[in-house]
Amino acid sequence: MKLVIVESPSKAKKIRELLGPGYRVAASMGHVRDLPPKGALAVAFKDGKVLPTYELLEKSSRAVSELSARFPRSPRRPRSCCSPPTPLARERPSPGT
Protein backbone atom coordinates (compact mmCIF):
# COMPACT_ATOMS: atom_id res chain seq x y z
CA MET A 1 0.00 0.00 0.00
CA LYS A 2 1.30 3.47 -0.90
CA LEU A 3 1.19 6.43 1.47
CA VAL A 4 0.44 9.99 0.36
CA ILE A 5 0.77 12.82 2.88
CA VAL A 6 -0.74 16.22 2.10
CA GLU A 7 -1.09 19.37 4.18
CA SER A 8 -4.81 19.65 4.81
CA PRO A 9 -7.54 17.20 5.82
CA SER A 10 -9.80 18.47 3.01
CA LYS A 11 -7.08 17.79 0.42
CA ALA A 12 -6.55 14.35 1.98
CA LYS A 13 -10.24 13.53 1.66
CA LYS A 14 -10.44 14.58 -2.00
CA ILE A 15 -7.19 12.84 -2.96
CA ARG A 16 -8.32 9.67 -1.15
CA GLU A 17 -11.46 9.69 -3.33
CA LEU A 18 -9.43 10.20 -6.51
CA LEU A 19 -6.77 7.56 -5.80
CA GLY A 20 -9.03 4.84 -4.44
CA PRO A 21 -7.85 1.55 -2.93
CA GLY A 22 -4.15 0.84 -2.72
CA TYR A 23 -3.36 4.28 -1.27
CA ARG A 24 -3.44 5.59 2.27
CA VAL A 25 -3.84 9.36 2.43
CA ALA A 26 -3.13 11.41 5.56
CA ALA A 27 -2.86 15.11 6.45
CA SER A 28 0.16 16.69 8.13
CA MET A 29 -1.85 19.76 9.17
CA GLY A 30 0.57 22.17 7.48
CA HIS A 31 4.23 22.36 6.51
CA VAL A 32 6.46 19.95 8.41
CA ARG A 33 9.88 21.02 7.14
CA ASP A 34 11.63 24.06 5.75
CA LEU A 35 15.04 25.29 4.70
CA PRO A 36 17.35 26.23 7.59
CA PRO A 37 17.09 29.76 9.00
CA LYS A 38 18.93 32.64 7.40
CA GLY A 39 22.69 32.33 7.60
CA ALA A 40 22.81 28.53 7.33
CA LEU A 41 23.78 26.86 4.06
CA ALA A 42 20.52 25.46 2.67
CA VAL A 43 21.59 23.79 -0.57
CA ALA A 44 24.45 21.78 -1.95
CA PHE A 45 25.30 20.92 -5.54
CA LYS A 46 26.45 17.46 -6.61
CA ASP A 47 26.68 15.99 -10.10
CA GLY A 48 24.63 18.84 -11.53
CA LYS A 49 21.82 18.36 -9.01
CA VAL A 50 20.59 20.74 -6.34
CA LEU A 51 20.38 19.00 -2.95
CA PRO A 52 18.37 21.08 -0.45
CA THR A 53 18.87 20.61 3.28
CA TYR A 54 15.61 20.66 5.21
CA GLU A 55 14.93 20.95 8.92
CA LEU A 56 11.88 19.68 10.76
CA LEU A 57 9.81 22.59 12.01
CA GLU A 58 9.40 22.62 15.77
CA LYS A 59 5.66 23.31 15.45
CA SER A 60 5.20 20.17 13.35
CA SER A 61 7.00 17.66 15.58
CA ARG A 62 3.72 16.43 17.09
CA ALA A 63 2.12 15.86 13.67
CA VAL A 64 5.22 14.02 12.40
CA SER A 65 5.27 11.82 15.52
CA GLU A 66 1.58 10.97 15.08
CA LEU A 67 2.02 10.16 11.38
CA SER A 68 5.07 8.02 12.16
CA ALA A 69 3.09 6.08 14.76
CA ARG A 70 0.09 5.58 12.44
CA PHE A 71 2.08 4.41 9.44
CA PRO A 72 4.95 1.94 9.87
CA ARG A 73 8.10 2.54 7.88
CA SER A 74 8.16 1.22 4.39
CA PRO A 75 11.12 -0.73 3.02
CA ARG A 76 10.86 1.46 -0.09
CA ARG A 77 12.58 4.82 -0.15
CA PRO A 78 10.01 7.62 0.22
CA ARG A 79 9.67 10.14 -2.55
CA SER A 80 8.94 13.83 -2.08
CA CYS A 81 6.76 15.87 -4.31
CA CYS A 82 5.09 19.22 -4.37
CA SER A 83 1.43 19.86 -4.90
CA PRO A 84 0.50 21.70 -8.07
CA PRO A 85 -0.36 25.38 -7.75
CA THR A 86 -3.95 26.25 -7.07
CA PRO A 87 -6.04 27.32 -10.08
CA LEU A 88 -6.02 30.89 -8.78
CA ALA A 89 -2.22 30.96 -8.68
CA ARG A 90 -2.01 29.67 -12.26
CA GLU A 91 -4.41 32.35 -13.51
CA ARG A 92 -2.59 35.30 -11.94
CA PRO A 93 -0.13 37.09 -14.21
CA SER A 94 3.52 36.97 -13.27
CA PRO A 95 4.93 40.08 -11.54
CA GLY A 96 6.10 42.66 -14.03
CA THR A 97 3.80 41.51 -16.85
PDB file of N, CA and C in Angstrom:
ATOM      1  N   MET A   1       0.844  -1.174   0.000  1.00  0.00           N
ATOM      2  CA  MET A   1       0.000   0.000   0.000  1.00  0.00           C
ATOM      3  C   MET A   1       0.892   1.241   0.000  1.00  0.00           C
ATOM      4  N   LYS A   2       0.525   2.240  -0.783  1.00  0.00           N
ATOM      5  CA  LYS A   2       1.301   3.466  -0.899  1.00  0.00           C
ATOM      6  C   LYS A   2       0.715   4.531   0.016  1.00  0.00           C
ATOM      7  N   LEU A   3       1.587   5.366   0.558  1.00  0.00           N
ATOM      8  CA  LEU A   3       1.191   6.426   1.466  1.00  0.00           C
ATOM      9  C   LEU A   3       1.393   7.777   0.801  1.00  0.00           C
ATOM     10  N   VAL A   4       0.371   8.626   0.873  1.00  0.00           N
ATOM     11  CA  VAL A   4       0.438   9.989   0.360  1.00  0.00           C
ATOM     12  C   VAL A   4       0.123  10.911   1.536  1.00  0.00           C
ATOM     13  N   ILE A   5       1.004  11.869   1.807  1.00  0.00           N
ATOM     14  CA  ILE A   5       0.770  12.819   2.880  1.00  0.00           C
ATOM     15  C   ILE A   5       0.635  14.209   2.270  1.00  0.00           C
ATOM     16  N   VAL A   6      -0.471  14.864   2.584  1.00  0.00           N
ATOM     17  CA  VAL A   6      -0.743  16.216   2.100  1.00  0.00           C
ATOM     18  C   VAL A   6      -0.922  17.131   3.309  1.00  0.00           C
ATOM     19  N   GLU A   7      -1.020  18.422   3.071  1.00  0.00           N
ATOM     20  CA  GLU A   7      -1.086  19.367   4.178  1.00  0.00           C
ATOM     21  C   GLU A   7      -2.434  19.429   4.881  1.00  0.00           C
ATOM     22  N   SER A   8      -3.521  19.403   4.161  1.00  0.00           N
ATOM     23  CA  SER A   8      -4.811  19.649   4.814  1.00  0.00           C
ATOM     24  C   SER A   8      -5.728  18.432   4.775  1.00  0.00           C
ATOM     25  N   PRO A   9      -6.583  18.310   5.788  1.00  0.00           N
ATOM     26  CA  PRO A   9      -7.544  17.205   5.819  1.00  0.00           C
ATOM     27  C   PRO A   9      -8.507  17.223   4.621  1.00  0.00           C
ATOM     28  N   SER A  10      -8.893  18.416   4.161  1.00  0.00           N
ATOM     29  CA  SER A  10      -9.805  18.473   3.013  1.00  0.00           C
ATOM     30  C   SER A  10      -9.117  17.975   1.741  1.00  0.00           C
ATOM     31  N   LYS A  11      -7.838  18.317   1.571  1.00  0.00           N
ATOM     32  CA  LYS A  11      -7.082  17.788   0.424  1.00  0.00           C
ATOM     33  C   LYS A  11      -6.960  16.268   0.543  1.00  0.00           C
ATOM     34  N   ALA A  12      -6.695  15.794   1.767  1.00  0.00           N
ATOM     35  CA  ALA A  12      -6.553  14.352   1.984  1.00  0.00           C
ATOM     36  C   ALA A  12      -7.830  13.624   1.589  1.00  0.00           C
ATOM     37  N   LYS A  13      -8.959  14.166   1.968  1.00  0.00           N
ATOM     38  CA  LYS A  13     -10.243  13.532   1.658  1.00  0.00           C
ATOM     39  C   LYS A  13     -10.465  13.451   0.144  1.00  0.00           C
ATOM     40  N   LYS A  14     -10.230  14.549  -0.556  1.00  0.00           N
ATOM     41  CA  LYS A  14     -10.441  14.582  -2.003  1.00  0.00           C
ATOM     42  C   LYS A  14      -9.461  13.647  -2.716  1.00  0.00           C
ATOM     43  N   ILE A  15      -8.197  13.679  -2.321  1.00  0.00           N
ATOM     44  CA  ILE A  15      -7.185  12.835  -2.962  1.00  0.00           C
ATOM     45  C   ILE A  15      -7.478  11.364  -2.693  1.00  0.00           C
ATOM     46  N   ARG A  16      -7.949  11.045  -1.496  1.00  0.00           N
ATOM     47  CA  ARG A  16      -8.324   9.670  -1.152  1.00  0.00           C
ATOM     48  C   ARG A  16      -9.418   9.173  -2.111  1.00  0.00           C
ATOM     49  N   GLU A  17     -10.388  10.039  -2.387  1.00  0.00           N
ATOM     50  CA  GLU A  17     -11.464   9.687  -3.326  1.00  0.00           C
ATOM     51  C   GLU A  17     -10.921   9.461  -4.733  1.00  0.00           C
ATOM     52  N   LEU A  18      -9.973  10.299  -5.150  1.00  0.00           N
ATOM     53  CA  LEU A  18      -9.431  10.197  -6.508  1.00  0.00           C
ATOM     54  C   LEU A  18      -8.531   8.973  -6.690  1.00  0.00           C
ATOM     55  N   LEU A  19      -7.723   8.663  -5.675  1.00  0.00           N
ATOM     56  CA  LEU A  19      -6.770   7.561  -5.801  1.00  0.00           C
ATOM     57  C   LEU A  19      -7.413   6.192  -5.600  1.00  0.00           C
ATOM     58  N   GLY A  20      -8.354   6.114  -4.683  1.00  0.00           N
ATOM     59  CA  GLY A  20      -9.028   4.837  -4.438  1.00  0.00           C
ATOM     60  C   GLY A  20      -8.185   3.860  -3.644  1.00  0.00           C
ATOM     61  N   PRO A  21      -8.557   2.565  -3.711  1.00  0.00           N
ATOM     62  CA  PRO A  21      -7.852   1.549  -2.925  1.00  0.00           C
ATOM     63  C   PRO A  21      -6.384   1.424  -3.354  1.00  0.00           C
ATOM     64  N   GLY A  22      -5.573   0.983  -2.424  1.00  0.00           N
ATOM     65  CA  GLY A  22      -4.153   0.845  -2.716  1.00  0.00           C
ATOM     66  C   GLY A  22      -3.347   2.031  -2.224  1.00  0.00           C
ATOM     67  N   TYR A  23      -4.030   3.088  -1.779  1.00  0.00           N
ATOM     68  CA  TYR A  23      -3.360   4.276  -1.270  1.00  0.00           C
ATOM     69  C   TYR A  23      -3.919   4.631   0.098  1.00  0.00           C
ATOM     70  N   ARG A  24      -3.035   5.039   0.991  1.00  0.00           N
ATOM     71  CA  ARG A  24      -3.438   5.588   2.275  1.00  0.00           C
ATOM     72  C   ARG A  24      -3.097   7.063   2.213  1.00  0.00           C
ATOM     73  N   VAL A  25      -4.042   7.914   2.519  1.00  0.00           N
ATOM     74  CA  VAL A  25      -3.845   9.355   2.428  1.00  0.00           C
ATOM     75  C   VAL A  25      -4.030   9.960   3.814  1.00  0.00           C
ATOM     76  N   ALA A  26      -3.080  10.783   4.235  1.00  0.00           N
ATOM     77  CA  ALA A  26      -3.129  11.413   5.555  1.00  0.00           C
ATOM     78  C   ALA A  26      -2.768  12.891   5.427  1.00  0.00           C
ATOM     79  N   ALA A  27      -3.161  13.673   6.427  1.00  0.00           N
ATOM     80  CA  ALA A  27      -2.862  15.110   6.453  1.00  0.00           C
ATOM     81  C   ALA A  27      -1.820  15.412   7.513  1.00  0.00           C
ATOM     82  N   SER A  28      -0.886  16.282   7.182  1.00  0.00           N
ATOM     83  CA  SER A  28       0.159  16.689   8.129  1.00  0.00           C
ATOM     84  C   SER A  28      -0.231  17.948   8.893  1.00  0.00           C
ATOM     85  N   MET A  29      -1.355  18.541   8.536  1.00  0.00           N
ATOM     86  CA  MET A  29      -1.849  19.763   9.173  1.00  0.00           C
ATOM     87  C   MET A  29      -0.892  20.944   8.973  1.00  0.00           C
ATOM     88  N   GLY A  30      -0.317  21.054   7.805  1.00  0.00           N
ATOM     89  CA  GLY A  30       0.570  22.169   7.481  1.00  0.00           C
ATOM     90  C   GLY A  30       1.961  21.700   7.093  1.00  0.00           C
ATOM     91  N   HIS A  31       2.838  22.675   6.872  1.00  0.00           N
ATOM     92  CA  HIS A  31       4.227  22.360   6.510  1.00  0.00           C
ATOM     93  C   HIS A  31       4.913  21.653   7.665  1.00  0.00           C
ATOM     94  N   VAL A  32       5.737  20.670   7.359  1.00  0.00           N
ATOM     95  CA  VAL A  32       6.462  19.951   8.408  1.00  0.00           C
ATOM     96  C   VAL A  32       7.967  20.197   8.342  1.00  0.00           C
ATOM     97  N   ARG A  33       8.450  20.737   7.251  1.00  0.00           N
ATOM     98  CA  ARG A  33       9.880  21.019   7.144  1.00  0.00           C
ATOM     99  C   ARG A  33      10.097  22.280   6.326  1.00  0.00           C
ATOM    100  N   ASP A  34      11.290  22.845   6.473  1.00  0.00           N
ATOM    101  CA  ASP A  34      11.631  24.064   5.751  1.00  0.00           C
ATOM    102  C   ASP A  34      13.146  24.136   5.618  1.00  0.00           C
ATOM    103  N   LEU A  35      13.610  25.059   4.813  1.00  0.00           N
ATOM    104  CA  LEU A  35      15.041  25.289   4.700  1.00  0.00           C
ATOM    105  C   LEU A  35      15.543  25.865   6.018  1.00  0.00           C
ATOM    106  N   PRO A  36      16.819  25.693   6.334  1.00  0.00           N
ATOM    107  CA  PRO A  36      17.352  26.233   7.586  1.00  0.00           C
ATOM    108  C   PRO A  36      17.183  27.754   7.655  1.00  0.00           C
ATOM    109  N   PRO A  37      17.233  28.312   8.866  1.00  0.00           N
ATOM    110  CA  PRO A  37      17.093  29.762   9.004  1.00  0.00           C
ATOM    111  C   PRO A  37      18.216  30.510   8.282  1.00  0.00           C
ATOM    112  N   LYS A  38      17.976  31.785   8.095  1.00  0.00           N
ATOM    113  CA  LYS A  38      18.932  32.643   7.397  1.00  0.00           C
ATOM    114  C   LYS A  38      20.327  32.491   8.003  1.00  0.00           C
ATOM    115  N   GLY A  39      21.311  32.439   7.145  1.00  0.00           N
ATOM    116  CA  GLY A  39      22.691  32.327   7.601  1.00  0.00           C
ATOM    117  C   GLY A  39      23.243  30.915   7.480  1.00  0.00           C
ATOM    118  N   ALA A  40      22.362  29.915   7.464  1.00  0.00           N
ATOM    119  CA  ALA A  40      22.811  28.530   7.333  1.00  0.00           C
ATOM    120  C   ALA A  40      22.799  28.153   5.847  1.00  0.00           C
ATOM    121  N   LEU A  41      23.732  27.311   5.440  1.00  0.00           N
ATOM    122  CA  LEU A  41      23.779  26.862   4.055  1.00  0.00           C
ATOM    123  C   LEU A  41      22.615  25.907   3.815  1.00  0.00           C
ATOM    124  N   ALA A  42      21.746  26.221   2.878  1.00  0.00           N
ATOM    125  CA  ALA A  42      20.519  25.462   2.672  1.00  0.00           C
ATOM    126  C   ALA A  42      20.582  24.489   1.503  1.00  0.00           C
ATOM    127  N   VAL A  43      21.517  24.675   0.588  1.00  0.00           N
ATOM    128  CA  VAL A  43      21.591  23.790  -0.570  1.00  0.00           C
ATOM    129  C   VAL A  43      23.033  23.396  -0.858  1.00  0.00           C
ATOM    130  N   ALA A  44      23.158  22.244  -1.468  1.00  0.00           N
ATOM    131  CA  ALA A  44      24.451  21.776  -1.950  1.00  0.00           C
ATOM    132  C   ALA A  44      24.267  21.377  -3.411  1.00  0.00           C
ATOM    133  N   PHE A  45      25.353  21.308  -4.141  1.00  0.00           N
ATOM    134  CA  PHE A  45      25.301  20.921  -5.542  1.00  0.00           C
ATOM    135  C   PHE A  45      26.202  19.712  -5.737  1.00  0.00           C
ATOM    136  N   LYS A  46      25.662  18.675  -6.369  1.00  0.00           N
ATOM    137  CA  LYS A  46      26.445  17.463  -6.609  1.00  0.00           C
ATOM    138  C   LYS A  46      26.006  16.851  -7.930  1.00  0.00           C
ATOM    139  N   ASP A  47      26.956  16.599  -8.798  1.00  0.00           N
ATOM    140  CA  ASP A  47      26.685  15.986 -10.099  1.00  0.00           C
ATOM    141  C   ASP A  47      25.583  16.714 -10.858  1.00  0.00           C
ATOM    142  N   GLY A  48      25.609  18.037 -10.795  1.00  0.00           N
ATOM    143  CA  GLY A  48      24.630  18.840 -11.528  1.00  0.00           C
ATOM    144  C   GLY A  48      23.250  18.873 -10.901  1.00  0.00           C
ATOM    145  N   LYS A  49      23.123  18.360  -9.686  1.00  0.00           N
ATOM    146  CA  LYS A  49      21.824  18.363  -9.010  1.00  0.00           C
ATOM    147  C   LYS A  49      21.866  19.291  -7.803  1.00  0.00           C
ATOM    148  N   VAL A  50      20.728  19.912  -7.521  1.00  0.00           N
ATOM    149  CA  VAL A  50      20.590  20.741  -6.337  1.00  0.00           C
ATOM    150  C   VAL A  50      20.057  19.855  -5.218  1.00  0.00           C
ATOM    151  N   LEU A  51      20.766  19.830  -4.088  1.00  0.00           N
ATOM    152  CA  LEU A  51      20.377  18.999  -2.949  1.00  0.00           C
ATOM    153  C   LEU A  51      20.037  19.903  -1.767  1.00  0.00           C
ATOM    154  N   PRO A  52      18.740  20.217  -1.565  1.00  0.00           N
ATOM    155  CA  PRO A  52      18.374  21.081  -0.450  1.00  0.00           C
ATOM    156  C   PRO A  52      18.514  20.360   0.889  1.00  0.00           C
ATOM    157  N   THR A  53      18.795  21.127   1.918  1.00  0.00           N
ATOM    158  CA  THR A  53      18.874  20.605   3.276  1.00  0.00           C
ATOM    159  C   THR A  53      17.659  21.138   4.026  1.00  0.00           C
ATOM    160  N   TYR A  54      16.817  20.247   4.510  1.00  0.00           N
ATOM    161  CA  TYR A  54      15.608  20.663   5.213  1.00  0.00           C
ATOM    162  C   TYR A  54      15.727  20.378   6.702  1.00  0.00           C
ATOM    163  N   GLU A  55      15.007  21.163   7.484  1.00  0.00           N
ATOM    164  CA  GLU A  55      14.926  20.948   8.919  1.00  0.00           C
ATOM    165  C   GLU A  55      13.461  20.754   9.293  1.00  0.00           C
ATOM    166  N   LEU A  56      13.221  19.891  10.244  1.00  0.00           N
ATOM    167  CA  LEU A  56      11.883  19.680  10.762  1.00  0.00           C
ATOM    168  C   LEU A  56      11.480  20.916  11.550  1.00  0.00           C
ATOM    169  N   LEU A  57      10.295  21.429  11.271  1.00  0.00           N
ATOM    170  CA  LEU A  57       9.811  22.587  12.006  1.00  0.00           C
ATOM    171  C   LEU A  57       9.370  22.161  13.405  1.00  0.00           C
ATOM    172  N   GLU A  58       9.743  22.947  14.391  1.00  0.00           N
ATOM    173  CA  GLU A  58       9.400  22.615  15.771  1.00  0.00           C
ATOM    174  C   GLU A  58       7.888  22.465  15.951  1.00  0.00           C
ATOM    175  N   LYS A  59       7.120  23.343  15.303  1.00  0.00           N
ATOM    176  CA  LYS A  59       5.662  23.306  15.452  1.00  0.00           C
ATOM    177  C   LYS A  59       5.036  22.046  14.857  1.00  0.00           C
ATOM    178  N   SER A  60       5.769  21.347  14.007  1.00  0.00           N
ATOM    179  CA  SER A  60       5.203  20.170  13.348  1.00  0.00           C
ATOM    180  C   SER A  60       5.656  18.853  13.970  1.00  0.00           C
ATOM    181  N   SER A  61       6.455  18.908  15.011  1.00  0.00           N
ATOM    182  CA  SER A  61       6.997  17.664  15.577  1.00  0.00           C
ATOM    183  C   SER A  61       5.889  16.725  16.069  1.00  0.00           C
ATOM    184  N   ARG A  62       4.827  17.270  16.619  1.00  0.00           N
ATOM    185  CA  ARG A  62       3.719  16.427  17.086  1.00  0.00           C
ATOM    186  C   ARG A  62       3.040  15.716  15.911  1.00  0.00           C
ATOM    187  N   ALA A  63       2.768  16.460  14.840  1.00  0.00           N
ATOM    188  CA  ALA A  63       2.120  15.862  13.667  1.00  0.00           C
ATOM    189  C   ALA A  63       2.997  14.778  13.050  1.00  0.00           C
ATOM    190  N   VAL A  64       4.300  15.009  12.968  1.00  0.00           N
ATOM    191  CA  VAL A  64       5.221  14.016  12.402  1.00  0.00           C
ATOM    192  C   VAL A  64       5.253  12.776  13.284  1.00  0.00           C
ATOM    193  N   SER A  65       5.276  12.965  14.601  1.00  0.00           N
ATOM    194  CA  SER A  65       5.265  11.822  15.521  1.00  0.00           C
ATOM    195  C   SER A  65       3.992  10.995  15.357  1.00  0.00           C
ATOM    196  N   GLU A  66       2.847  11.671  15.244  1.00  0.00           N
ATOM    197  CA  GLU A  66       1.576  10.969  15.080  1.00  0.00           C
ATOM    198  C   GLU A  66       1.532  10.209  13.752  1.00  0.00           C
ATOM    199  N   LEU A  67       2.003  10.838  12.686  1.00  0.00           N
ATOM    200  CA  LEU A  67       2.019  10.163  11.384  1.00  0.00           C
ATOM    201  C   LEU A  67       2.965   8.964  11.413  1.00  0.00           C
ATOM    202  N   SER A  68       4.114   9.125  12.062  1.00  0.00           N
ATOM    203  CA  SER A  68       5.072   8.024  12.161  1.00  0.00           C
ATOM    204  C   SER A  68       4.480   6.849  12.929  1.00  0.00           C
ATOM    205  N   ALA A  69       3.715   7.141  13.968  1.00  0.00           N
ATOM    206  CA  ALA A  69       3.090   6.081  14.757  1.00  0.00           C
ATOM    207  C   ALA A  69       1.966   5.385  13.981  1.00  0.00           C
ATOM    208  N   ARG A  70       1.215   6.152  13.203  1.00  0.00           N
ATOM    209  CA  ARG A  70       0.091   5.578  12.443  1.00  0.00           C
ATOM    210  C   ARG A  70       0.528   4.723  11.269  1.00  0.00           C
ATOM    211  N   PHE A  71       1.642   5.096  10.658  1.00  0.00           N
ATOM    212  CA  PHE A  71       2.079   4.413   9.445  1.00  0.00           C
ATOM    213  C   PHE A  71       3.481   3.852   9.633  1.00  0.00           C
ATOM    214  N   PRO A  72       3.615   2.529   9.687  1.00  0.00           N
ATOM    215  CA  PRO A  72       4.947   1.936   9.869  1.00  0.00           C
ATOM    216  C   PRO A  72       5.854   2.272   8.689  1.00  0.00           C
ATOM    217  N   ARG A  73       7.131   2.228   8.945  1.00  0.00           N
ATOM    218  CA  ARG A  73       8.104   2.537   7.885  1.00  0.00           C
ATOM    219  C   ARG A  73       8.011   1.537   6.748  1.00  0.00           C
ATOM    220  N   SER A  74       8.196   2.041   5.576  1.00  0.00           N
ATOM    221  CA  SER A  74       8.161   1.216   4.388  1.00  0.00           C
ATOM    222  C   SER A  74       9.585   0.830   4.008  1.00  0.00           C
ATOM    223  N   PRO A  75       9.777  -0.375   3.470  1.00  0.00           N
ATOM    224  CA  PRO A  75      11.123  -0.732   3.016  1.00  0.00           C
ATOM    225  C   PRO A  75      11.535   0.053   1.777  1.00  0.00           C
ATOM    226  N   ARG A  76      10.550   0.651   1.092  1.00  0.00           N
ATOM    227  CA  ARG A  76      10.858   1.455  -0.090  1.00  0.00           C
ATOM    228  C   ARG A  76      11.265   2.851   0.332  1.00  0.00           C
ATOM    229  N   ARG A  77      12.134   3.452  -0.431  1.00  0.00           N
ATOM    230  CA  ARG A  77      12.580   4.821  -0.154  1.00  0.00           C
ATOM    231  C   ARG A  77      11.434   5.783  -0.457  1.00  0.00           C
ATOM    232  N   PRO A  78      11.092   6.667   0.484  1.00  0.00           N
ATOM    233  CA  PRO A  78      10.007   7.616   0.219  1.00  0.00           C
ATOM    234  C   PRO A  78      10.415   8.635  -0.830  1.00  0.00           C
ATOM    235  N   ARG A  79       9.427   9.117  -1.544  1.00  0.00           N
ATOM    236  CA  ARG A  79       9.666  10.142  -2.547  1.00  0.00           C
ATOM    237  C   ARG A  79       8.940  11.412  -2.133  1.00  0.00           C
ATOM    238  N   SER A  80       9.568  12.545  -2.359  1.00  0.00           N
ATOM    239  CA  SER A  80       8.943  13.834  -2.080  1.00  0.00           C
ATOM    240  C   SER A  80       8.323  14.368  -3.348  1.00  0.00           C
ATOM    241  N   CYS A  81       7.328  15.171  -3.165  1.00  0.00           N
ATOM    242  CA  CYS A  81       6.758  15.868  -4.307  1.00  0.00           C
ATOM    243  C   CYS A  81       6.104  17.139  -3.812  1.00  0.00           C
ATOM    244  N   CYS A  82       5.783  17.981  -4.709  1.00  0.00           N
ATOM    245  CA  CYS A  82       5.093  19.217  -4.369  1.00  0.00           C
ATOM    246  C   CYS A  82       3.717  19.186  -4.987  1.00  0.00           C
ATOM    247  N   SER A  83       2.770  19.798  -4.320  1.00  0.00           N
ATOM    248  CA  SER A  83       1.432  19.858  -4.895  1.00  0.00           C
ATOM    249  C   SER A  83       1.428  20.898  -6.002  1.00  0.00           C
ATOM    250  N   PRO A  84       0.565  20.723  -6.988  1.00  0.00           N
ATOM    251  CA  PRO A  84       0.496  21.701  -8.072  1.00  0.00           C
ATOM    252  C   PRO A  84      -0.084  23.005  -7.541  1.00  0.00           C
ATOM    253  N   PRO A  85       0.205  24.111  -8.204  1.00  0.00           N
ATOM    254  CA  PRO A  85      -0.358  25.380  -7.750  1.00  0.00           C
ATOM    255  C   PRO A  85      -1.872  25.363  -7.846  1.00  0.00           C
ATOM    256  N   THR A  86      -2.497  26.161  -7.026  1.00  0.00           N
ATOM    257  CA  THR A  86      -3.953  26.253  -7.070  1.00  0.00           C
ATOM    258  C   THR A  86      -4.358  26.914  -8.376  1.00  0.00           C
ATOM    259  N   PRO A  87      -5.595  26.679  -8.831  1.00  0.00           N
ATOM    260  CA  PRO A  87      -6.037  27.319 -10.084  1.00  0.00           C
ATOM    261  C   PRO A  87      -5.877  28.831 -10.042  1.00  0.00           C
ATOM    262  N   LEU A  88      -6.152  29.445  -8.901  1.00  0.00           N
ATOM    263  CA  LEU A  88      -6.021  30.890  -8.785  1.00  0.00           C
ATOM    264  C   LEU A  88      -4.590  31.324  -9.034  1.00  0.00           C
ATOM    265  N   ALA A  89      -3.626  30.612  -8.491  1.00  0.00           N
ATOM    266  CA  ALA A  89      -2.219  30.965  -8.676  1.00  0.00           C
ATOM    267  C   ALA A  89      -1.816  30.824 -10.145  1.00  0.00           C
ATOM    268  N   ARG A  90      -2.357  29.850 -10.843  1.00  0.00           N
ATOM    269  CA  ARG A  90      -2.007  29.669 -12.259  1.00  0.00           C
ATOM    270  C   ARG A  90      -2.596  30.776 -13.116  1.00  0.00           C
ATOM    271  N   GLU A  91      -3.732  31.345 -12.691  1.00  0.00           N
ATOM    272  CA  GLU A  91      -4.407  32.353 -13.509  1.00  0.00           C
ATOM    273  C   GLU A  91      -3.828  33.730 -13.313  1.00  0.00           C
ATOM    274  N   ARG A  92      -3.153  33.968 -12.200  1.00  0.00           N
ATOM    275  CA  ARG A  92      -2.590  35.298 -11.936  1.00  0.00           C
ATOM    276  C   ARG A  92      -1.415  35.558 -12.857  1.00  0.00           C
ATOM    277  N   PRO A  93      -1.305  36.787 -13.391  1.00  0.00           N
ATOM    278  CA  PRO A  93      -0.132  37.088 -14.210  1.00  0.00           C
ATOM    279  C   PRO A  93       1.115  37.169 -13.354  1.00  0.00           C
ATOM    280  N   SER A  94       2.243  36.883 -13.956  1.00  0.00           N
ATOM    281  CA  SER A  94       3.522  36.971 -13.266  1.00  0.00           C
ATOM    282  C   SER A  94       3.822  38.418 -12.936  1.00  0.00           C
ATOM    283  N   PRO A  95       4.563  38.683 -11.853  1.00  0.00           N
ATOM    284  CA  PRO A  95       4.933  40.078 -11.536  1.00  0.00           C
ATOM    285  C   PRO A  95       5.705  40.700 -12.680  1.00  0.00           C
ATOM    286  N   GLY A  96       5.397  41.942 -12.966  1.00  0.00           N
ATOM    287  CA  GLY A  96       6.103  42.657 -14.027  1.00  0.00           C
ATOM    288  C   GLY A  96       5.520  42.441 -15.409  1.00  0.00           C
ATOM    289  N   THR A  97       4.383  41.716 -15.513  1.00  0.00           N
ATOM    290  CA  THR A  97       3.799  41.515 -16.855  1.00  0.00           C
ATOM    291  C   THR A  97       2.543  42.324 -16.997  1.00  0.00           C
TER     292      THR A  97
END
